[in-house]
Amino acid sequence: MKLNIPVILLPLILILDSCGGSRLELRTSTCQEPGAIQSDRVPNPTQGFDISFQSYLPPCYADLENTRFPVIYLIAMPYELRLDAAAETPMSLADRLIRAGKMPPALIIVPEDTVGQGYHAALAIDLVAYVDETYRTLPDRHYRGAGGISHGAAIAARMAFQLPEAFGSLGIFSGGIAENEKPTFETWIDSSGNHPRVLISIGDQDGIMPYTHNLMNVLDAGKVSYELNVDPGGHTGAFWAAHMESYLLWFAEAWE
């Protein structure tokens, strides 16, 4: 359902129907205060990983007691100690987009970077459950996205395809999967018809491209549609900064 409401320089806020249904309405807010970044951790993890993370809370989050928000989980993305009015990092950029009315208010969750077998499942099970329990989220896959840069993109892909009920959107930023993972992904894809919408964004000079092709091969074989953006650039911070805004706005398109 697409709602077109004329709003200029006012953020949009998603509110869950008080009767418990899935209907959403767009509300306007005059709040122009910056959002907030805070640190948190999952207190009782069940999957063998301690999970610390940063959360970005949108403007006036504390005052909007009846409002629930979409969530974007970003893996192996920069930690931000404070919001920066000029930085092209995820939380700082999202805050500017939200306050400019270009993006609906959302929570952004960035776990501390960890690599290990089963870490993706720990994030999808322990972290998502804790965030939904602790923060005012919209606990539905349609309003929950997973994404990442480089190896974080591979972690996000495992999260979204092994546990498809958890995530409605998957963003692959300069990443992919290893050749030996293809059979596992094929099994996950074949066992579920509930696939996420997928964005793949990569530079044409990125050395990780073979891993991206591995992922594209299994998506093609499983008839999973995806959007592919190949732009000039390599596996660099400059490339990611240049495309971070369009990356965030792609997640937000799912909520229209």
C-alpha atoms as a PDB file:
ATOM      1  CA  MET A   1       0.000   0.000   0.000  1.00  0.00           C
ATOM      2  CA  LYS A   2       1.470   3.323  -0.987  1.00  0.00           C
ATOM      3  CA  LEU A   3       0.324   6.435   0.809  1.00  0.00           C
ATOM      4  CA  ASN A   4       1.190   9.779  -0.678  1.00  0.00           C
ATOM      5  CA  ILE A   5       1.039  12.574   1.859  1.00  0.00           C
ATOM      6  CA  PRO A   6       2.581  15.964   1.074  1.00  0.00           C
ATOM      7  CA  VAL A   7       5.195  16.663   3.704  1.00  0.00           C
ATOM      8  CA  ILE A   8       8.001  19.174   3.453  1.00  0.00           C
ATOM      9  CA  LEU A   9      10.914  18.938   5.860  1.00  0.00           C
ATOM     10  CA  LEU A  10       8.875  16.907   8.333  1.00  0.00           C
ATOM     11  CA  PRO A  11       9.776  13.295   9.166  1.00  0.00           C
ATOM     12  CA  LEU A  12       7.161  10.575   8.720  1.00  0.00           C
ATOM     13  CA  ILE A  13       6.393   8.233  11.581  1.00  0.00           C
ATOM     14  CA  LEU A  14       4.922   4.758  11.260  1.00  0.00           C
ATOM     15  CA  ILE A  15       2.302   3.885  13.864  1.00  0.00           C
ATOM     16  CA  LEU A  16       0.945   0.408  14.464  1.00  0.00           C
ATOM     17  CA  ASP A  17      -2.811   0.085  14.706  1.00  0.00           C
ATOM     18  CA  SER A  18      -3.826   0.039  18.370  1.00  0.00           C
ATOM     19  CA  CYS A  19      -6.091  -2.964  17.819  1.00  0.00           C
ATOM     20  CA  GLY A  20      -3.097  -5.147  16.966  1.00  0.00           C
ATOM     21  CA  GLY A  21      -3.658  -5.332  13.214  1.00  0.00           C
ATOM     22  CA  SER A  22      -1.099  -4.743  10.522  1.00  0.00           C
ATOM     23  CA  ARG A  23      -2.527  -1.472   9.205  1.00  0.00           C
ATOM     24  CA  LEU A  24      -0.036   1.363   9.234  1.00  0.00           C
ATOM     25  CA  GLU A  25      -0.593   5.044   8.969  1.00  0.00           C
ATOM     26  CA  LEU A  26       1.885   7.774   8.204  1.00  0.00           C
ATOM     27  CA  ARG A  27       1.972  10.565  10.730  1.00  0.00           C
ATOM     28  CA  THR A  28       3.927  13.779  10.591  1.00  0.00           C
ATOM     29  CA  SER A  29       6.127  15.096  13.356  1.00  0.00           C
ATOM     30  CA  THR A  30       7.499  18.554  13.911  1.00  0.00           C
ATOM     31  CA  CYS A  31      10.468  17.097  15.802  1.00  0.00           C
ATOM     32  CA  GLN A  32      13.702  18.409  14.367  1.00  0.00           C
ATOM     33  CA  GLU A  33      15.965  17.316  17.205  1.00  0.00           C
ATOM     34  CA  PRO A  34      18.724  14.912  16.197  1.00  0.00           C
ATOM     35  CA  GLY A  35      18.308  11.251  16.975  1.00  0.00           C
ATOM     36  CA  ALA A  36      20.541   9.444  19.442  1.00  0.00           C
ATOM     37  CA  ILE A  37      23.175   6.722  19.415  1.00  0.00           C
ATOM     38  CA  GLN A  38      23.508   4.380  22.363  1.00  0.00           C
ATOM     39  CA  SER A  39      25.330   1.164  23.195  1.00  0.00           C
ATOM     40  CA  ASP A  40      23.655  -2.024  24.333  1.00  0.00           C
ATOM     41  CA  ARG A  41      24.221  -5.764  24.591  1.00  0.00           C
ATOM     42  CA  VAL A  42      22.138  -8.910  24.531  1.00  0.00           C
ATOM     43  CA  PRO A  43      22.023  -9.968  28.190  1.00  0.00           C
ATOM     44  CA  ASN A  44      21.216 -13.672  27.813  1.00  0.00           C
ATOM     45  CA  PRO A  45      22.432 -14.963  24.446  1.00  0.00           C
ATOM     46  CA  THR A  46      21.433 -18.523  23.549  1.00  0.00           C
ATOM     47  CA  GLN A  47      23.620 -19.186  20.499  1.00  0.00           C
ATOM     48  CA  GLY A  48      27.103 -19.041  22.014  1.00  0.00           C
ATOM     49  CA  PHE A  49      27.991 -15.486  21.039  1.00  0.00           C
ATOM     50  CA  ASP A  50      28.138 -12.391  23.227  1.00  0.00           C
ATOM     51  CA  ILE A  51      26.531  -9.625  21.173  1.00  0.00           C
ATOM     52  CA  SER A  52      27.248  -5.957  21.803  1.00  0.00           C
ATOM     53  CA  PHE A  53      25.746  -3.410  19.473  1.00  0.00           C
ATOM     54  CA  GLN A  54      24.992   0.217  18.784  1.00  0.00           C
ATOM     55  CA  SER A  55      21.461   1.435  18.232  1.00  0.00           C
ATOM     56  CA  TYR A  56      20.397   4.594  16.452  1.00  0.00           C
ATOM     57  CA  LEU A  57      17.100   5.944  17.782  1.00  0.00           C
ATOM     58  CA  PRO A  58      15.287   8.432  15.517  1.00  0.00           C
ATOM     59  CA  PRO A  59      14.357  11.994  16.556  1.00  0.00           C
ATOM     60  CA  CYS A  60      12.038  12.263  19.590  1.00  0.00           C
ATOM     61  CA  TYR A  61      12.010   8.480  20.070  1.00  0.00           C
ATOM     62  CA  ALA A  62      11.610   8.823  23.840  1.00  0.00           C
ATOM     63  CA  ASP A  63       8.581  11.085  23.491  1.00  0.00           C
ATOM     64  CA  LEU A  64       6.734   8.965  20.910  1.00  0.00           C
ATOM     65  CA  GLU A  65       5.538   6.324  23.334  1.00  0.00           C
ATOM     66  CA  ASN A  66       2.849   4.893  21.052  1.00  0.00           C
ATOM     67  CA  THR A  67       5.000   4.715  17.953  1.00  0.00           C
ATOM     68  CA  ARG A  68       6.739   1.655  16.545  1.00  0.00           C
ATOM     69  CA  PHE A  69       9.492   1.750  13.960  1.00  0.00           C
ATOM     70  CA  PRO A  70      11.090  -0.354  11.224  1.00  0.00           C
ATOM     71  CA  VAL A  71      14.592  -1.691  11.905  1.00  0.00           C
ATOM     72  CA  ILE A  72      17.642  -2.017   9.670  1.00  0.00           C
ATOM     73  CA  TYR A  73      20.405  -4.361  10.869  1.00  0.00           C
ATOM     74  CA  LEU A  74      23.778  -3.402   9.364  1.00  0.00           C
ATOM     75  CA  ILE A  75      26.698  -5.805   9.707  1.00  0.00           C
ATOM     76  CA  ALA A  76      30.386  -4.794   9.614  1.00  0.00           C
ATOM     77  CA  MET A  77      29.456  -1.150   9.211  1.00  0.00           C
ATOM     78  CA  PRO A  78      31.163   1.766  10.985  1.00  0.00           C
ATOM     79  CA  TYR A  79      30.596   2.342  14.680  1.00  0.00           C
ATOM     80  CA  GLU A  80      29.714   5.977  15.316  1.00  0.00           C
ATOM     81  CA  LEU A  81      30.425   7.666  18.625  1.00  0.00           C
ATOM     82  CA  ARG A  82      28.240  10.644  17.749  1.00  0.00           C
ATOM     83  CA  LEU A  83      26.077  11.921  14.931  1.00  0.00           C
ATOM     84  CA  ASP A  84      28.080  13.933  12.414  1.00  0.00           C
ATOM     85  CA  ALA A  85      26.372  16.551  10.245  1.00  0.00           C
ATOM     86  CA  ALA A  86      28.749  15.855   7.353  1.00  0.00           C
ATOM     87  CA  ALA A  87      29.582  12.146   7.617  1.00  0.00           C
ATOM     88  CA  GLU A  88      28.291   9.659   5.039  1.00  0.00           C
ATOM     89  CA  THR A  89      28.190   6.919   7.664  1.00  0.00           C
ATOM     90  CA  PRO A  90      24.921   4.987   8.147  1.00  0.00           C
ATOM     91  CA  MET A  91      23.567   6.484  11.374  1.00  0.00           C
ATOM     92  CA  SER A  92      24.627  10.072  10.704  1.00  0.00           C
ATOM     93  CA  LEU A  93      23.301   9.945   7.169  1.00  0.00           C
ATOM     94  CA  ALA A  94      20.026   8.284   8.215  1.00  0.00           C
ATOM     95  CA  ASP A  95      19.480  10.989  10.817  1.00  0.00           C
ATOM     96  CA  ARG A  96      19.801  13.717   8.190  1.00  0.00           C
ATOM     97  CA  LEU A  97      17.511  11.881   5.772  1.00  0.00           C
ATOM     98  CA  ILE A  98      14.867  11.363   8.446  1.00  0.00           C
ATOM     99  CA  ARG A  99      14.900  14.968   9.609  1.00  0.00           C
ATOM    100  CA  ALA A 100      14.690  16.139   5.988  1.00  0.00           C
ATOM    101  CA  GLY A 101      11.596  13.984   5.427  1.00  0.00           C
ATOM    102  CA  LYS A 102      13.362  11.845   2.812  1.00  0.00           C
ATOM    103  CA  MET A 103      13.236   8.664   4.866  1.00  0.00           C
ATOM    104  CA  PRO A 104      10.688   7.423   7.430  1.00  0.00           C
ATOM    105  CA  PRO A 105      12.028   7.217  10.985  1.00  0.00           C
ATOM    106  CA  ALA A 106      13.679   3.873  11.655  1.00  0.00           C
ATOM    107  CA  LEU A 107      15.989   2.203  14.131  1.00  0.00           C
ATOM    108  CA  ILE A 108      19.426   1.200  12.912  1.00  0.00           C
ATOM    109  CA  ILE A 109      21.249  -1.600  14.711  1.00  0.00           C
ATOM    110  CA  VAL A 110      24.992  -2.152  14.179  1.00  0.00           C
ATOM    111  CA  PRO A 111      26.411  -5.157  16.048  1.00  0.00           C
ATOM    112  CA  GLU A 112      30.041  -5.287  17.043  1.00  0.00           C
ATOM    113  CA  ASP A 113      31.919  -6.968  14.221  1.00  0.00           C
ATOM    114  CA  THR A 114      32.490 -10.679  14.898  1.00  0.00           C
ATOM    115  CA  VAL A 115      33.299 -13.497  12.504  1.00  0.00           C
ATOM    116  CA  GLY A 116      32.592 -17.088  13.470  1.00  0.00           C
ATOM    117  CA  GLN A 117      30.571 -20.091  12.408  1.00  0.00           C
ATOM    118  CA  GLY A 118      26.970 -19.549  13.457  1.00  0.00           C
ATOM    119  CA  TYR A 119      27.332 -15.827  14.153  1.00  0.00           C
ATOM    120  CA  HIS A 120      24.663 -15.004  11.558  1.00  0.00           C
ATOM    121  CA  ALA A 121      22.152 -17.224  13.355  1.00  0.00           C
ATOM    122  CA  ALA A 122      23.018 -15.610  16.689  1.00  0.00           C
ATOM    123  CA  LEU A 123      22.236 -12.186  15.237  1.00  0.00           C
ATOM    124  CA  ALA A 124      18.999 -13.344  13.620  1.00  0.00           C
ATOM    125  CA  ILE A 125      17.823 -15.184  16.740  1.00  0.00           C
ATOM    126  CA  ASP A 126      19.276 -13.495  19.818  1.00  0.00           C
ATOM    127  CA  LEU A 127      19.799  -9.928  18.628  1.00  0.00           C
ATOM    128  CA  VAL A 128      16.495  -9.570  16.771  1.00  0.00           C
ATOM    129  CA  ALA A 129      14.524 -11.019  19.680  1.00  0.00           C
ATOM    130  CA  TYR A 130      16.210  -8.691  22.171  1.00  0.00           C
ATOM    131  CA  VAL A 131      15.736  -5.604  20.005  1.00  0.00           C
ATOM    132  CA  ASP A 132      12.045  -6.387  19.470  1.00  0.00           C
ATOM    133  CA  GLU A 133      11.600  -6.926  23.200  1.00  0.00           C
ATOM    134  CA  THR A 134      13.528  -3.845  24.326  1.00  0.00           C
ATOM    135  CA  TYR A 135      12.794  -1.224  21.652  1.00  0.00           C
ATOM    136  CA  ARG A 136       9.554  -0.085  20.026  1.00  0.00           C
ATOM    137  CA  THR A 137       9.901  -1.952  16.762  1.00  0.00           C
ATOM    138  CA  LEU A 138       7.476  -3.192  14.150  1.00  0.00           C
ATOM    139  CA  PRO A 139       8.090  -6.930  14.729  1.00  0.00           C
ATOM    140  CA  ASP A 140       7.321  -8.085  11.211  1.00  0.00           C
ATOM    141  CA  ARG A 141       9.747  -9.160   8.483  1.00  0.00           C
ATOM    142  CA  HIS A 142       8.319  -6.570   6.116  1.00  0.00           C
ATOM    143  CA  TYR A 143       9.668  -3.822   8.398  1.00  0.00           C
ATOM    144  CA  ARG A 144      12.974  -5.520   9.154  1.00  0.00           C
ATOM    145  CA  GLY A 145      16.013  -5.391   6.871  1.00  0.00           C
ATOM    146  CA  ALA A 146      19.506  -6.896   7.038  1.00  0.00           C
ATOM    147  CA  GLY A 147      22.543  -5.625   5.190  1.00  0.00           C
ATOM    148  CA  GLY A 148      26.285  -5.344   5.378  1.00  0.00           C
ATOM    149  CA  ILE A 149      29.558  -4.402   3.752  1.00  0.00           C
ATOM    150  CA  SER A 150      32.104  -6.975   2.510  1.00  0.00           C
ATOM    151  CA  HIS A 151      32.118 -10.000   4.876  1.00  0.00           C
ATOM    152  CA  GLY A 152      29.211  -8.303   6.675  1.00  0.00           C
ATOM    153  CA  ALA A 153      27.194  -8.698   3.493  1.00  0.00           C
ATOM    154  CA  ALA A 154      27.838 -12.455   3.567  1.00  0.00           C
ATOM    155  CA  ILE A 155      26.681 -12.589   7.192  1.00  0.00           C
ATOM    156  CA  ALA A 156      23.538 -10.645   6.301  1.00  0.00           C
ATOM    157  CA  ALA A 157      22.856 -13.000   3.371  1.00  0.00           C
ATOM    158  CA  ARG A 158      23.083 -16.018   5.664  1.00  0.00           C
ATOM    159  CA  MET A 159      20.737 -14.323   8.136  1.00  0.00           C
ATOM    160  CA  ALA A 160      18.129 -13.568   5.499  1.00  0.00           C
ATOM    161  CA  PHE A 161      18.143 -16.897   3.657  1.00  0.00           C
ATOM    162  CA  GLN A 162      18.547 -19.345   6.537  1.00  0.00           C
ATOM    163  CA  LEU A 163      15.881 -17.503   8.560  1.00  0.00           C
ATOM    164  CA  PRO A 164      13.630 -15.981   5.874  1.00  0.00           C
ATOM    165  CA  GLU A 165      10.797 -15.350   8.321  1.00  0.00           C
ATOM    166  CA  ALA A 166      12.965 -12.716  10.026  1.00  0.00           C
ATOM    167  CA  PHE A 167      13.890 -10.321   7.205  1.00  0.00           C
ATOM    168  CA  GLY A 168      11.967  -8.798   4.342  1.00  0.00           C
ATOM    169  CA  SER A 169      14.909  -6.959   2.753  1.00  0.00           C
ATOM    170  CA  LEU A 170      18.544  -7.903   2.187  1.00  0.00           C
ATOM    171  CA  GLY A 171      21.215  -5.416   1.120  1.00  0.00           C
ATOM    172  CA  ILE A 172      24.503  -6.762  -0.232  1.00  0.00           C
ATOM    173  CA  PHE A 173      27.120  -4.003  -0.324  1.00  0.00           C
ATOM    174  CA  SER A 174      30.442  -5.029  -1.930  1.00  0.00           C
ATOM    175  CA  GLY A 175      30.011  -8.626  -0.882  1.00  0.00           C
ATOM    176  CA  GLY A 176      28.834 -12.113  -1.739  1.00  0.00           C
ATOM    177  CA  ILE A 177      29.384 -15.726  -0.723  1.00  0.00           C
ATOM    178  CA  ALA A 178      32.181 -18.263  -1.090  1.00  0.00           C
ATOM    179  CA  GLU A 179      32.024 -20.974  -3.741  1.00  0.00           C
ATOM    180  CA  ASN A 180      31.680 -23.710  -1.120  1.00  0.00           C
ATOM    181  CA  GLU A 181      28.621 -21.999   0.344  1.00  0.00           C
ATOM    182  CA  LYS A 182      26.573 -22.265  -2.831  1.00  0.00           C
ATOM    183  CA  PRO A 183      25.020 -25.689  -2.019  1.00  0.00           C
ATOM    184  CA  THR A 184      23.942 -24.444   1.416  1.00  0.00           C
ATOM    185  CA  PHE A 185      22.299 -21.367  -0.053  1.00  0.00           C
ATOM    186  CA  GLU A 186      20.613 -23.462  -2.727  1.00  0.00           C
ATOM    187  CA  THR A 187      19.109 -25.639  -0.003  1.00  0.00           C
ATOM    188  CA  TRP A 188      17.900 -22.622   1.972  1.00  0.00           C
ATOM    189  CA  ILE A 189      16.376 -21.028  -1.115  1.00  0.00           C
ATOM    190  CA  ASP A 190      14.699 -24.235  -2.283  1.00  0.00           C
ATOM    191  CA  SER A 191      13.196 -24.873   1.147  1.00  0.00           C
ATOM    192  CA  SER A 192      11.367 -21.549   1.329  1.00  0.00           C
ATOM    193  CA  GLY A 193       9.335 -19.453  -1.045  1.00  0.00           C
ATOM    194  CA  ASN A 194       9.446 -16.550   1.392  1.00  0.00           C
ATOM    195  CA  HIS A 195      12.456 -14.777  -0.070  1.00  0.00           C
ATOM    196  CA  PRO A 196      13.549 -11.237   0.804  1.00  0.00           C
ATOM    197  CA  ARG A 197      13.796  -8.432  -1.691  1.00  0.00           C
ATOM    198  CA  VAL A 198      17.487  -8.132  -2.546  1.00  0.00           C
ATOM    199  CA  LEU A 199      19.805  -5.293  -3.536  1.00  0.00           C
ATOM    200  CA  ILE A 200      23.373  -5.965  -4.706  1.00  0.00           C
ATOM    201  CA  SER A 201      25.633  -2.906  -4.955  1.00  0.00           C
ATOM    202  CA  ILE A 202      29.291  -3.222  -5.925  1.00  0.00           C
ATOM    203  CA  GLY A 203      32.089  -1.336  -7.675  1.00  0.00           C
ATOM    204  CA  ASP A 204      33.233  -2.473 -11.097  1.00  0.00           C
ATOM    205  CA  GLN A 205      36.848  -2.691  -9.852  1.00  0.00           C
ATOM    206  CA  ASP A 206      36.017  -4.537  -6.623  1.00  0.00           C
ATOM    207  CA  GLY A 207      38.174  -7.633  -6.077  1.00  0.00           C
ATOM    208  CA  ILE A 208      35.308  -9.274  -4.202  1.00  0.00           C
ATOM    209  CA  MET A 209      33.315  -9.550  -7.461  1.00  0.00           C
ATOM    210  CA  PRO A 210      33.766 -13.369  -7.787  1.00  0.00           C
ATOM    211  CA  TYR A 211      31.956 -13.755  -4.446  1.00  0.00           C
ATOM    212  CA  THR A 212      29.189 -11.503  -5.720  1.00  0.00           C
ATOM    213  CA  HIS A 213      28.873 -13.709  -8.810  1.00  0.00           C
ATOM    214  CA  ASN A 214      28.575 -16.788  -6.572  1.00  0.00           C
ATOM    215  CA  LEU A 215      25.600 -15.221  -4.837  1.00  0.00           C
ATOM    216  CA  MET A 216      24.044 -14.085  -8.086  1.00  0.00           C
ATOM    217  CA  ASN A 217      24.389 -17.622  -9.467  1.00  0.00           C
ATOM    218  CA  VAL A 218      22.418 -19.186  -6.624  1.00  0.00           C
ATOM    219  CA  LEU A 219      19.799 -16.428  -6.760  1.00  0.00           C
ATOM    220  CA  ASP A 220      19.384 -16.956 -10.493  1.00  0.00           C
ATOM    221  CA  ALA A 221      19.151 -20.735 -10.062  1.00  0.00           C
ATOM    222  CA  GLY A 222      16.521 -20.309  -7.355  1.00  0.00           C
ATOM    223  CA  LYS A 223      14.613 -17.711  -9.369  1.00  0.00           C
ATOM    224  CA  VAL A 224      15.097 -15.116  -6.620  1.00  0.00           C
ATOM    225  CA  SER A 225      14.821 -11.658  -8.134  1.00  0.00           C
ATOM    226  CA  TYR A 226      17.305  -8.956  -7.184  1.00  0.00           C
ATOM    227  CA  GLU A 227      18.345  -5.439  -8.093  1.00  0.00           C
ATOM    228  CA  LEU A 228      21.950  -5.128  -9.246  1.00  0.00           C
ATOM    229  CA  ASN A 229      23.885  -1.865  -9.234  1.00  0.00           C
ATOM    230  CA  VAL A 230      27.456  -1.951 -10.585  1.00  0.00           C
ATOM    231  CA  ASP A 231      29.090   1.471 -10.425  1.00  0.00           C
ATOM    232  CA  PRO A 232      32.615   2.776 -10.958  1.00  0.00           C
ATOM    233  CA  GLY A 233      34.801   2.099  -7.940  1.00  0.00           C
ATOM    234  CA  GLY A 234      36.552  -0.488  -5.813  1.00  0.00           C
ATOM    235  CA  HIS A 235      36.404  -2.056  -2.368  1.00  0.00           C
ATOM    236  CA  THR A 236      36.909   1.277  -0.629  1.00  0.00           C
ATOM    237  CA  GLY A 237      35.403   3.550   1.973  1.00  0.00           C
ATOM    238  CA  ALA A 238      34.998   6.225  -0.669  1.00  0.00           C
ATOM    239  CA  PHE A 239      32.758   3.929  -2.735  1.00  0.00           C
ATOM    240  CA  TRP A 240      30.616   3.005   0.261  1.00  0.00           C
ATOM    241  CA  ALA A 241      30.247   6.632   1.358  1.00  0.00           C
ATOM    242  CA  ALA A 242      29.216   7.676  -2.156  1.00  0.00           C
ATOM    243  CA  HIS A 243      26.413   5.085  -2.276  1.00  0.00           C
ATOM    244  CA  MET A 244      25.281   4.916   1.359  1.00  0.00           C
ATOM    245  CA  GLU A 245      22.336   7.274   0.874  1.00  0.00           C
ATOM    246  CA  SER A 246      20.837   5.257  -1.969  1.00  0.00           C
ATOM    247  CA  TYR A 247      21.489   2.089   0.044  1.00  0.00           C
ATOM    248  CA  LEU A 248      19.491   3.359   3.038  1.00  0.00           C
ATOM    249  CA  LEU A 249      16.695   4.720   0.872  1.00  0.00           C
ATOM    250  CA  TRP A 250      16.373   1.336  -0.825  1.00  0.00           C
ATOM    251  CA  PHE A 251      15.551  -0.260   2.529  1.00  0.00           C
ATOM    252  CA  ALA A 252      12.965   2.447   3.189  1.00  0.00           C
ATOM    253  CA  GLU A 253      11.219   1.774  -0.142  1.00  0.00           C
ATOM    254  CA  ALA A 254       9.820  -1.434   1.355  1.00  0.00           C
ATOM    255  CA  TRP A 255       7.763   0.550   3.866  1.00  0.00           C
ATOM    256  CA  GLU A 256       5.870   2.658   1.336  1.00  0.00           C
END
